[in-house]
Protein backbone atom coordinates (compact mmCIF):
# COMPACT_ATOMS: atom_id res chain seq x y z
CA UNK A 1 -30.02 -5.84 46.52
CA UNK A 2 -29.96 -9.18 44.69
CA UNK A 3 -33.60 -8.78 43.66
CA UNK A 4 -32.93 -5.24 42.50
CA UNK A 5 -29.96 -6.49 40.44
CA UNK A 6 -32.07 -9.18 38.80
CA UNK A 7 -34.76 -6.63 37.95
CA UNK A 8 -32.16 -4.29 36.48
CA UNK A 9 -30.73 -7.05 34.27
CA UNK A 10 -34.24 -8.08 33.16
CA UNK A 11 -35.08 -4.47 32.32
CA UNK A 12 -31.86 -4.14 30.31
CA UNK A 13 -32.59 -7.33 28.33
CA UNK A 14 -36.17 -6.22 27.65
CA UNK A 15 -34.90 -2.85 26.51
CA UNK A 16 -32.42 -4.55 24.17
CA UNK A 17 -35.18 -6.65 22.63
CA UNK A 18 -37.35 -3.57 22.11
CA UNK A 19 -34.43 -1.71 20.58
CA UNK A 20 -33.70 -4.66 18.30
CA UNK A 21 -37.36 -4.80 17.23
CA UNK A 22 -37.39 -1.06 16.61
CA UNK A 23 -34.20 -1.42 14.58
CA UNK A 24 -35.78 -4.15 12.40
CA UNK A 25 -38.94 -2.11 11.94
CA UNK A 26 -36.92 0.94 11.00
CA UNK A 27 -34.88 -0.99 8.45
CA UNK A 28 -38.00 -2.54 6.93
CA UNK A 29 -39.69 0.85 6.67
CA UNK A 30 -36.62 2.38 5.05
CA UNK A 31 -36.29 -0.45 2.53
CA UNK A 32 -39.95 -0.43 1.51
CA UNK A 33 -40.10 3.36 1.21
CA UNK A 34 -36.95 3.27 -0.89
CA UNK A 35 -38.39 0.65 -3.27
CA UNK A 36 -41.66 2.55 -3.59
CA UNK A 37 -39.70 5.62 -4.60
CA UNK A 38 -37.37 3.78 -7.00
CA UNK A 39 -40.18 1.84 -8.67
CA UNK A 40 -42.71 4.73 -8.59
CA UNK A 41 -45.22 2.53 -6.75
CA UNK A 42 -48.19 4.47 -5.30
CA UNK A 43 -48.79 2.10 -2.39
CA UNK A 44 -47.93 -1.26 -0.86
CA UNK A 45 -48.85 -3.55 2.02
CA UNK A 46 -46.20 -5.79 3.58
CA UNK A 47 -46.86 -8.80 5.79
CA UNK A 48 -44.26 -10.76 7.76
CA UNK A 49 -45.28 -14.04 9.41
CA UNK A 50 -43.18 -16.15 11.77
CA UNK A 51 -44.33 -19.70 12.57
CA UNK A 52 -47.61 -18.76 10.93
CA UNK A 53 -48.16 -15.86 13.33
CA UNK A 54 -48.27 -12.19 12.41
CA UNK A 55 -44.93 -10.49 13.02
CA UNK A 56 -45.63 -7.37 11.00
CA UNK A 57 -48.44 -5.94 8.88
CA UNK A 58 -47.86 -2.47 7.54
CA UNK A 59 -49.21 -0.24 4.81
CA UNK A 60 -47.13 2.26 2.87
CA UNK A 61 -48.10 5.01 0.46
CA UNK A 62 -51.46 5.45 -1.18
CA UNK A 63 -54.22 2.93 -1.84
CA UNK A 64 -56.05 5.54 -3.91
CA UNK A 65 -54.14 8.43 -5.41
CA UNK A 66 -57.23 10.42 -6.38
CA UNK A 67 -58.58 10.37 -2.83
CA UNK A 68 -55.17 10.51 -1.12
CA UNK A 69 -56.23 7.41 0.83
CA UNK A 70 -53.39 5.59 2.57
CA UNK A 71 -52.67 1.86 2.53
CA UNK A 72 -53.44 0.03 5.78
CA UNK A 73 -52.91 -3.63 6.74
CA UNK A 74 -56.53 -4.39 5.80
CA UNK A 75 -56.40 -2.67 2.41
CA UNK A 76 -57.61 -5.05 -0.31
CA UNK A 77 -55.32 -5.70 -3.28
CA UNK A 78 -55.84 -7.88 -6.34
CA UNK A 79 -54.01 -11.19 -6.15
CA UNK A 80 -52.71 -11.63 -9.67
CA UNK A 81 -51.27 -15.12 -10.10
CA UNK A 82 -50.64 -15.61 -6.39
CA UNK A 83 -54.30 -16.62 -6.56
CA UNK A 84 -53.31 -19.72 -8.55
CA UNK A 85 -52.16 -21.47 -5.35
CA UNK A 86 -55.76 -21.46 -4.09
CA UNK A 87 -56.96 -23.03 -7.33
CA UNK A 88 -54.22 -25.67 -7.10
CA UNK A 89 -55.17 -26.40 -3.48
CA UNK A 90 -58.80 -26.83 -4.49
CA UNK A 91 -57.80 -29.35 -7.16
CA UNK A 92 -55.63 -31.23 -4.65
CA UNK A 93 -58.60 -31.37 -2.25
CA UNK A 94 -60.59 -33.09 -5.00
CA UNK A 95 -57.66 -35.45 -5.57
CA UNK A 96 -57.65 -36.40 -1.86
CA UNK A 97 -61.38 -37.05 -2.05
CA UNK A 98 -60.90 -39.34 -5.05
CA UNK A 99 -62.95 -37.11 -7.34
CA UNK A 100 -59.98 -36.20 -9.52
CA UNK A 101 -56.67 -37.92 -10.27
CA UNK A 102 -53.50 -36.05 -11.17
CA UNK A 103 -53.02 -38.62 -13.94
CA UNK A 104 -56.50 -38.14 -15.37
CA UNK A 105 -56.47 -37.17 -19.04
CA UNK A 106 -57.86 -33.66 -19.40
CA UNK A 107 -60.15 -35.08 -22.10
CA UNK A 108 -61.98 -36.92 -19.31
CA UNK A 109 -63.41 -33.52 -18.36
CA UNK A 110 -63.38 -32.01 -21.85
CA UNK A 111 -64.31 -35.01 -24.04
CA UNK A 112 -64.60 -33.00 -27.27
CA UNK A 113 -61.11 -31.49 -26.89
CA UNK A 114 -58.82 -31.66 -29.94
CA UNK A 115 -56.51 -34.62 -30.51
CA UNK A 116 -53.52 -32.41 -29.69
CA UNK A 117 -54.74 -32.55 -26.08
CA UNK A 118 -54.63 -36.36 -25.89
CA UNK A 119 -51.48 -36.43 -23.74
CA UNK A 120 -52.45 -33.59 -21.38
CA UNK A 121 -53.14 -34.76 -17.84
CA UNK A 122 -54.32 -32.79 -14.81
CA UNK A 123 -50.80 -32.48 -13.39
CA UNK A 124 -49.66 -30.90 -16.67
CA UNK A 125 -52.18 -28.08 -16.22
CA UNK A 126 -51.12 -27.56 -12.60
CA UNK A 127 -47.41 -27.43 -13.48
CA UNK A 128 -47.57 -25.50 -16.80
CA UNK A 129 -46.16 -28.43 -18.76
CA UNK A 130 -49.26 -28.93 -20.92
CA UNK A 131 -47.92 -27.21 -24.03
CA UNK A 132 -51.06 -25.07 -24.34
CA UNK A 133 -50.49 -21.56 -25.65
CA UNK A 134 -51.30 -18.33 -23.80
CA UNK A 135 -54.80 -16.93 -24.19
CA UNK A 136 -53.84 -13.64 -22.58
CA UNK A 137 -51.69 -12.06 -25.30
CA UNK A 138 -52.09 -8.59 -26.72
CA UNK A 139 -53.34 -9.82 -30.07
CA UNK A 140 -55.85 -12.23 -28.53
CA UNK A 141 -57.28 -9.78 -25.96
CA UNK A 142 -57.48 -6.64 -28.12
CA UNK A 143 -60.54 -5.39 -30.00
CA UNK A 144 -61.52 -8.09 -32.48
CA UNK A 145 -59.40 -10.74 -30.73
CA UNK A 146 -60.94 -14.02 -29.56
CA UNK A 147 -60.55 -13.03 -25.89
CA UNK A 148 -61.27 -9.30 -26.14
CA UNK A 149 -61.01 -8.20 -22.50
CA UNK A 150 -64.14 -6.04 -22.55
CA UNK A 151 -66.48 -8.85 -23.58
CA UNK A 152 -68.09 -11.40 -21.30
CA UNK A 153 -67.75 -15.12 -22.02
CA UNK A 154 -69.34 -18.19 -20.53
CA UNK A 155 -67.05 -20.97 -19.31
CA UNK A 156 -68.07 -23.07 -22.29
CA UNK A 157 -67.20 -20.23 -24.68
CA UNK A 158 -63.81 -19.77 -23.02
CA UNK A 159 -63.06 -23.49 -23.28
CA UNK A 160 -64.03 -23.63 -26.97
CA UNK A 161 -61.84 -20.63 -27.79
CA UNK A 162 -58.92 -22.18 -25.90
CA UNK A 163 -59.43 -25.46 -27.75
CA UNK A 164 -59.00 -23.59 -31.05
CA UNK A 165 -55.54 -22.28 -30.15
CA UNK A 166 -52.42 -24.09 -31.39
CA UNK A 167 -50.10 -25.95 -29.02
CA UNK A 168 -46.73 -24.38 -28.20
CA UNK A 169 -44.96 -27.71 -27.66
CA UNK A 170 -45.69 -31.37 -27.04
CA UNK A 171 -47.09 -32.08 -23.62
CA UNK A 172 -44.43 -32.68 -20.97
CA UNK A 173 -41.49 -31.83 -23.20
CA UNK A 174 -41.01 -28.27 -21.91
CA UNK A 175 -42.30 -25.76 -19.38
CA UNK A 176 -43.99 -22.45 -20.17
CA UNK A 177 -46.06 -20.33 -17.81
CA UNK A 178 -49.55 -20.16 -19.29
CA UNK A 179 -52.60 -18.65 -17.60
CA UNK A 180 -54.63 -20.84 -19.95
CA UNK A 181 -53.87 -23.90 -17.78
CA UNK A 182 -55.53 -22.42 -14.71
CA UNK A 183 -58.56 -21.08 -16.58
CA UNK A 184 -59.21 -24.71 -17.55
CA UNK A 185 -58.65 -25.91 -13.97
CA UNK A 186 -61.33 -23.50 -12.75
CA UNK A 187 -63.76 -24.92 -15.30
CA UNK A 188 -62.71 -28.45 -14.28
CA UNK A 189 -63.52 -27.67 -10.62
CA UNK A 190 -66.96 -26.48 -11.70
CA UNK A 191 -67.57 -29.63 -13.73
CA UNK A 192 -66.56 -31.93 -10.87
CA UNK A 193 -68.26 -30.13 -7.97
CA UNK A 194 -71.17 -28.43 -9.71
CA UNK A 195 -70.02 -25.17 -8.11
CA UNK A 196 -68.32 -22.11 -9.57
CA UNK A 197 -64.70 -22.42 -8.50
CA UNK A 198 -64.90 -19.14 -6.54
CA UNK A 199 -67.81 -20.49 -4.47
CA UNK A 200 -65.85 -23.70 -3.86
CA UNK A 201 -62.85 -21.67 -2.61
CA UNK A 202 -65.13 -19.64 -0.34
CA UNK A 203 -66.78 -22.74 1.10
CA UNK A 204 -63.69 -24.93 1.50
CA UNK A 205 -60.81 -22.50 2.11
CA UNK A 206 -61.65 -18.87 2.82
CA UNK A 207 -64.49 -19.25 5.32
CA UNK A 208 -62.95 -22.17 7.27
CA UNK A 209 -59.70 -20.20 7.68
CA UNK A 210 -61.43 -16.96 8.61
CA UNK A 211 -60.15 -15.15 5.51
CA UNK A 212 -63.10 -12.78 5.66
CA UNK A 213 -61.79 -10.22 3.14
CA UNK A 214 -60.66 -12.70 0.47
CA UNK A 215 -63.00 -13.22 -2.47
CA UNK A 216 -63.39 -13.18 -6.24
CA UNK A 217 -62.90 -9.79 -7.93
CA UNK A 218 -66.02 -7.71 -8.45
CA UNK A 219 -65.85 -4.09 -9.51
CA UNK A 220 -69.63 -3.81 -9.11
CA UNK A 221 -69.78 -4.71 -5.40
CA UNK A 222 -69.16 -2.17 -2.65
CA UNK A 223 -65.93 -3.36 -1.00
CA UNK A 224 -64.46 -1.35 1.87
CA UNK A 225 -60.81 -0.31 1.73
CA UNK A 226 -60.24 -1.57 -1.81
CA UNK A 227 -57.05 -0.24 -3.41
CA UNK A 228 -57.04 1.19 -6.91
CA UNK A 229 -54.68 -0.31 -9.49
CA UNK A 230 -52.40 1.86 -11.60
CA UNK A 231 -50.15 1.71 -14.61
CA UNK A 232 -47.36 3.97 -15.78
CA UNK A 233 -47.82 5.20 -19.34
CA UNK A 234 -44.88 7.22 -20.66
CA UNK A 235 -44.01 8.15 -17.11
CA UNK A 236 -47.53 9.27 -16.21
CA UNK A 237 -49.70 7.44 -13.69
CA UNK A 238 -52.97 6.13 -15.14
CA UNK A 239 -55.84 4.05 -13.79
CA UNK A 240 -55.88 0.35 -14.64
CA UNK A 241 -57.69 -0.84 -17.77
CA UNK A 242 -61.22 -2.12 -17.33
CA UNK A 243 -61.82 -5.85 -17.79
CA UNK A 244 -65.17 -7.61 -18.23
CA UNK A 245 -66.62 -9.36 -15.15
CA UNK A 246 -66.26 -12.87 -16.59
CA UNK A 247 -62.62 -12.40 -17.57
CA UNK A 248 -62.02 -10.87 -14.14
CA UNK A 249 -63.22 -13.95 -12.31
CA UNK A 250 -61.26 -16.80 -13.88
CA UNK A 251 -59.16 -19.25 -11.85
CA UNK A 252 -55.80 -17.98 -13.08
CA UNK A 253 -55.60 -15.26 -10.43
CA UNK A 254 -58.70 -13.10 -10.02
CA UNK A 255 -58.94 -12.67 -6.26
CA UNK A 256 -58.99 -9.88 -3.70
CA UNK A 257 -57.05 -10.34 -0.44
CA UNK A 258 -55.14 -8.54 2.31
CA UNK A 259 -51.87 -9.18 4.12
CA UNK A 260 -53.93 -9.95 7.23
CA UNK A 261 -55.87 -12.69 5.44
CA UNK A 262 -52.68 -14.12 3.93
CA UNK A 263 -51.31 -14.69 7.43
CA UNK A 264 -54.20 -17.09 8.03
CA UNK A 265 -53.40 -18.82 4.73
CA UNK A 266 -49.73 -19.11 5.68
CA UNK A 267 -50.59 -20.54 9.11
CA UNK A 268 -52.83 -23.20 7.54
CA UNK A 269 -50.01 -24.35 5.25
CA UNK A 270 -48.02 -25.48 8.31
CA UNK A 271 -50.90 -27.81 9.22
CA UNK A 272 -53.17 -30.38 7.59
CA UNK A 273 -56.30 -28.24 7.88
CA UNK A 274 -56.67 -28.04 4.10
CA UNK A 275 -54.55 -30.86 2.72
CA UNK A 276 -52.67 -33.79 4.16
CA UNK A 277 -48.91 -33.49 4.24
CA UNK A 278 -48.56 -35.71 1.15
CA UNK A 279 -50.76 -33.36 -0.84
CA UNK A 280 -48.83 -30.27 0.23
CA UNK A 281 -45.54 -32.00 -0.50
CA UNK A 282 -46.76 -32.85 -4.01
CA UNK A 283 -47.59 -29.20 -4.65
CA UNK A 284 -44.10 -28.23 -3.48
CA UNK A 285 -42.26 -30.82 -5.57
CA UNK A 286 -40.63 -29.69 -8.81
CA UNK A 287 -42.49 -31.22 -11.76
CA UNK A 288 -40.31 -33.37 -14.01
CA UNK A 289 -40.50 -33.35 -17.78
CA UNK A 290 -40.87 -36.42 -19.99
CA UNK A 291 -37.09 -36.83 -20.04
CA UNK A 292 -37.00 -37.15 -16.26
CA UNK A 293 -35.35 -33.76 -15.75
CA UNK A 294 -36.85 -31.05 -13.52
CA UNK A 295 -38.53 -28.22 -15.40
CA UNK A 296 -36.44 -25.10 -15.95
CA UNK A 297 -38.52 -22.95 -13.58
CA UNK A 298 -38.33 -25.33 -10.59
CA UNK A 299 -42.11 -25.19 -10.67
CA UNK A 300 -44.46 -27.43 -8.71
CA UNK A 301 -48.19 -26.74 -8.57
CA UNK A 302 -48.66 -22.94 -8.39
CA UNK A 303 -45.39 -22.53 -6.49
CA UNK A 304 -41.75 -22.19 -7.47
CA UNK A 305 -39.40 -24.26 -5.31
CA UNK A 306 -36.02 -22.60 -4.84
CA UNK A 307 -33.34 -22.03 -2.24
CA UNK A 308 -31.40 -19.04 -1.00
CA UNK A 309 -27.96 -19.86 0.39
CA UNK A 310 -29.19 -23.37 1.17
CA UNK A 311 -32.45 -22.16 2.75
CA UNK A 312 -35.52 -23.63 1.04
CA UNK A 313 -38.06 -21.12 -0.24
CA UNK A 314 -41.38 -21.72 -2.01
CA UNK A 315 -42.62 -18.60 -3.73
CA UNK A 316 -44.81 -17.07 -6.40
CA UNK A 317 -45.57 -13.71 -7.92
CA UNK A 318 -48.64 -12.19 -9.48
CA UNK A 319 -49.66 -9.31 -11.71
CA UNK A 320 -53.05 -8.17 -12.98
CA UNK A 321 -54.91 -4.95 -13.70
CA UNK A 322 -52.40 -2.53 -12.22
CA UNK A 323 -51.41 -4.72 -9.25
CA UNK A 324 -48.35 -6.87 -8.49
CA UNK A 325 -47.92 -9.30 -5.61
CA UNK A 326 -45.33 -11.69 -4.20
CA UNK A 327 -45.28 -14.33 -1.48
CA UNK A 328 -42.09 -16.05 -0.29
CA UNK A 329 -42.21 -18.81 2.34
CA UNK A 330 -38.78 -19.61 3.76
CA UNK A 331 -39.69 -23.07 5.01
CA UNK A 332 -36.49 -23.85 6.93
CA UNK A 333 -36.76 -20.54 8.77
CA UNK A 334 -40.55 -20.62 9.23
CA UNK A 335 -40.59 -17.10 7.88
CA UNK A 336 -42.97 -15.75 5.23
CA UNK A 337 -42.90 -12.33 3.61
CA UNK A 338 -45.69 -10.93 1.43
CA UNK A 339 -45.69 -7.71 -0.60
CA UNK A 340 -48.77 -6.34 -2.37
CA UNK A 341 -48.50 -3.27 -4.63
CA UNK A 342 -50.83 -1.27 -6.85
CA UNK A 343 -48.66 -0.68 -9.91
CA UNK A 344 -48.38 -2.63 -13.16
CA UNK A 345 -45.83 -5.41 -13.65
CA UNK A 346 -43.88 -3.50 -16.27
CA UNK A 347 -42.73 -1.06 -13.62
CA UNK A 348 -42.96 -2.74 -10.22
CA UNK A 349 -41.19 -5.74 -8.75
CA UNK A 350 -42.55 -6.73 -5.32
CA UNK A 351 -40.01 -9.56 -5.08
CA UNK A 352 -37.35 -6.92 -4.39
CA UNK A 353 -39.36 -5.98 -1.32
CA UNK A 354 -39.92 -9.53 -0.06
CA UNK A 355 -36.27 -10.46 -0.63
CA UNK A 356 -35.00 -7.34 1.11
CA UNK A 357 -37.34 -7.69 4.08
CA UNK A 358 -36.48 -11.37 4.55
CA UNK A 359 -32.78 -10.50 4.66
CA UNK A 360 -33.46 -7.90 7.39
CA UNK A 361 -35.11 -10.53 9.55
CA UNK A 362 -32.43 -13.10 8.75
CA UNK A 363 -29.22 -11.88 7.05
CA UNK A 364 -28.53 -15.47 5.91
CA UNK A 365 -31.39 -15.04 3.46
CA UNK A 366 -29.70 -12.24 1.55
CA UNK A 367 -29.14 -13.58 -1.97
CA UNK A 368 -25.63 -13.51 -3.34
CA UNK A 369 -25.66 -11.85 -6.73
CA UNK A 370 -24.52 -14.48 -9.24
CA UNK A 371 -21.46 -13.58 -11.24
CA UNK A 372 -21.31 -13.78 -15.02
CA UNK A 373 -19.37 -16.65 -16.56
CA UNK A 374 -16.65 -16.29 -19.16
CA UNK A 375 -18.18 -15.42 -22.51
CA UNK A 376 -16.36 -17.50 -25.11
CA UNK A 377 -18.84 -16.63 -27.86
CA UNK A 378 -19.00 -12.83 -27.93
CA UNK A 379 -20.48 -13.04 -31.41
CA UNK A 380 -23.60 -14.69 -29.97
CA UNK A 381 -23.90 -12.00 -27.31
CA UNK A 382 -23.52 -9.31 -29.97
CA UNK A 383 -26.20 -11.02 -32.06
CA UNK A 384 -28.56 -10.97 -29.08
CA UNK A 385 -27.92 -7.26 -28.53
CA UNK A 386 -28.89 -6.66 -32.16
CA UNK A 387 -32.00 -8.83 -31.75
CA UNK A 388 -33.06 -6.83 -28.70
CA UNK A 389 -32.43 -3.57 -30.52
CA UNK A 390 -34.52 -4.82 -33.44
CA UNK A 391 -37.39 -5.71 -31.12
CA UNK A 392 -37.27 -2.24 -29.54
CA UNK A 393 -37.24 -0.54 -32.94
CA UNK A 394 -40.04 -2.73 -34.27
CA UNK A 395 -37.67 -4.25 -36.81
CA UNK A 396 -37.29 -7.84 -35.58
CA UNK A 397 -36.20 -10.04 -38.49
CA UNK A 398 -37.98 -13.34 -39.23
CA UNK A 399 -34.74 -14.90 -40.52
CA UNK A 400 -33.24 -14.63 -37.02
CA UNK A 401 -35.84 -17.09 -35.68
CA UNK A 402 -36.92 -20.62 -36.49
CA UNK A 403 -40.24 -20.75 -38.30
CA UNK A 404 -41.94 -22.28 -35.25
CA UNK A 405 -40.54 -19.66 -32.85
CA UNK A 406 -41.43 -16.80 -35.18
CA UNK A 407 -45.04 -17.99 -35.42
CA UNK A 408 -45.20 -18.27 -31.65
CA UNK A 409 -43.65 -14.86 -30.93
CA UNK A 410 -44.87 -12.73 -33.80
CA UNK A 411 -46.83 -10.58 -33.83
CA UNK A 412 -48.30 -10.93 -30.34
CA UNK A 413 -45.35 -11.15 -27.97
CA UNK A 414 -42.82 -9.25 -30.10
CA UNK A 415 -45.16 -6.30 -30.58
CA UNK A 416 -45.87 -6.14 -26.84
CA UNK A 417 -42.24 -6.60 -25.90
CA UNK A 418 -40.84 -3.79 -28.03
CA UNK A 419 -42.54 -0.86 -26.26
CA UNK A 420 -41.83 -2.42 -22.86
CA UNK A 421 -38.10 -2.78 -23.53
CA UNK A 422 -37.99 0.73 -24.94
CA UNK A 423 -39.50 2.10 -21.77
CA UNK A 424 -36.79 0.40 -19.69
CA UNK A 425 -34.21 2.65 -21.32
CA UNK A 426 -30.88 1.92 -22.96
CA UNK A 427 -29.44 -1.55 -22.41
CA UNK A 428 -26.38 -1.04 -20.21
CA UNK A 429 -24.99 -4.58 -20.14
CA UNK A 430 -25.76 -8.07 -21.41
CA UNK A 431 -23.94 -10.61 -19.25
CA UNK A 432 -23.73 -14.36 -19.91
CA UNK A 433 -24.81 -16.24 -16.78
CA UNK A 434 -25.15 -19.80 -18.07
CA UNK A 435 -24.55 -21.87 -21.19
CA UNK A 436 -25.73 -25.43 -21.72
CA UNK A 437 -26.26 -27.80 -24.63
CA UNK A 438 -29.29 -29.95 -25.33
CA UNK A 439 -28.70 -32.12 -28.36
CA UNK A 440 -28.00 -29.77 -31.24
CA UNK A 441 -29.49 -26.81 -29.40
CA UNK A 442 -27.40 -24.38 -27.36
CA UNK A 443 -29.07 -22.63 -24.44
CA UNK A 444 -27.90 -19.28 -23.08
CA UNK A 445 -29.08 -17.32 -20.08
CA UNK A 446 -28.21 -13.62 -20.03
CA UNK A 447 -28.61 -10.90 -17.43
CA UNK A 448 -29.76 -7.72 -19.15
CA UNK A 449 -29.18 -4.57 -17.12
CA UNK A 450 -31.32 -1.51 -17.77
CA UNK A 451 -31.22 1.78 -15.81
CA UNK A 452 -33.92 0.78 -13.29
CA UNK A 453 -34.52 -2.89 -14.03
CA UNK A 454 -32.66 -6.16 -14.53
CA UNK A 455 -34.08 -8.89 -16.75
CA UNK A 456 -33.08 -12.49 -17.26
CA UNK A 457 -33.21 -13.57 -20.89
CA UNK A 458 -33.20 -17.24 -21.86
CA UNK A 459 -32.31 -18.06 -25.45
CA UNK A 460 -32.24 -21.36 -27.32
CA UNK A 461 -30.23 -21.42 -30.56
CA UNK A 462 -30.18 -24.03 -33.29
CA UNK A 463 -26.92 -25.16 -34.87
CA UNK A 464 -27.35 -22.51 -37.57
CA UNK A 465 -27.85 -19.77 -34.93
CA UNK A 466 -31.58 -19.34 -35.31
CA UNK A 467 -33.57 -18.48 -32.18
CA UNK A 468 -35.78 -21.41 -31.23
CA UNK A 469 -36.71 -20.06 -27.80
CA UNK A 470 -36.76 -16.59 -26.26
CA UNK A 471 -38.05 -15.98 -22.73
CA UNK A 472 -37.86 -12.95 -20.45
CA UNK A 473 -38.25 -12.77 -16.68
CA UNK A 474 -37.34 -10.35 -13.93
CA UNK A 475 -34.24 -11.14 -11.92
């Protein structure tokens, strides 16, 4: 009787665990399916890793709409900028080997670089504090632009074109996400090792970890279970735009991978298989600016370092060629969630999936929506609404910006931004979330609510109310 009782209790406990697991799986499925529907995403793969081990790998929706092919856990997606963390790791490997120093001037590797690069060091490229401008803008990548996306370029040609671009700010004085930095790091790896950076990654990271499906993008090669990338154009699904092979193999995020391979990557980051603890810690330390303050994005080397309700999370997103990706590693909880989708960044937000899934596994990780602060300058908020309306209508006024900001934003970014904002629909609310002062400049952070999307808008105003800085990011 006693033995039978023990068996009955054990069976009940096992049944409870199975029910709990089924409940989690059901909630995850419901959340992901809901986001795919809301965001009009054709397909997605979701990976959940606990202590570096696979807890869940699941495909949803379609990897290829034309063939009605479903997403599976081994479906290959493009990495977008999540691929930058592999480039950063490769650089840190060279640092550990004494072949590169984080304090090396970039001109050590590019001796004919312009004088404006004199202060740029390797760590500035890794942390996006170099001040270099973005090569991947609409004006620069269109027909006739210096980086026209359908033309092939050698590494030397890419470097020379980058060297001709103006600086956005003095090195170390600000932070701005620039793919340019990582293109240069890929060339730097080649110069130091004598190997194309993709071959170096394969030799030193992918093969040793058993990441057998991870590799540089190639549309020419036959690659099993490769997802197709899509974009929404006026509400209609279209195939991704074609990009030349050379511009589709740069070190700023041109990889293929799967959620199964990323589990192996996640597991390695708990160990010293790739880098010693000091090297990993350096990557996950927020880079400070010249004034000693942390950069505004809490950015380290290819990772953002944040916290959710006191739980540390290192994370990064990516977007490229009709794909978006996100990885969030909740270090204190030894939980990682990855979401890979095949829809453009203007319409999909995989972070909503990773955040929601993490909160299902641990409710303490559910972010608390920040509340707006009291808006004591409604005239500034009204001015920003008019600025946004002007951008949408293609009527942005130069006199609303400083000369430097106008040159930086117009025509490239402003002309790209207008159609995107218009597609989001009518602005429903512009809420002030933060206001700070930096010398004579006032900084504002707004939450802009659109029908199906929320944006964060950072604005820097001079004392005469001219816009000196204007940045957009998804919430």
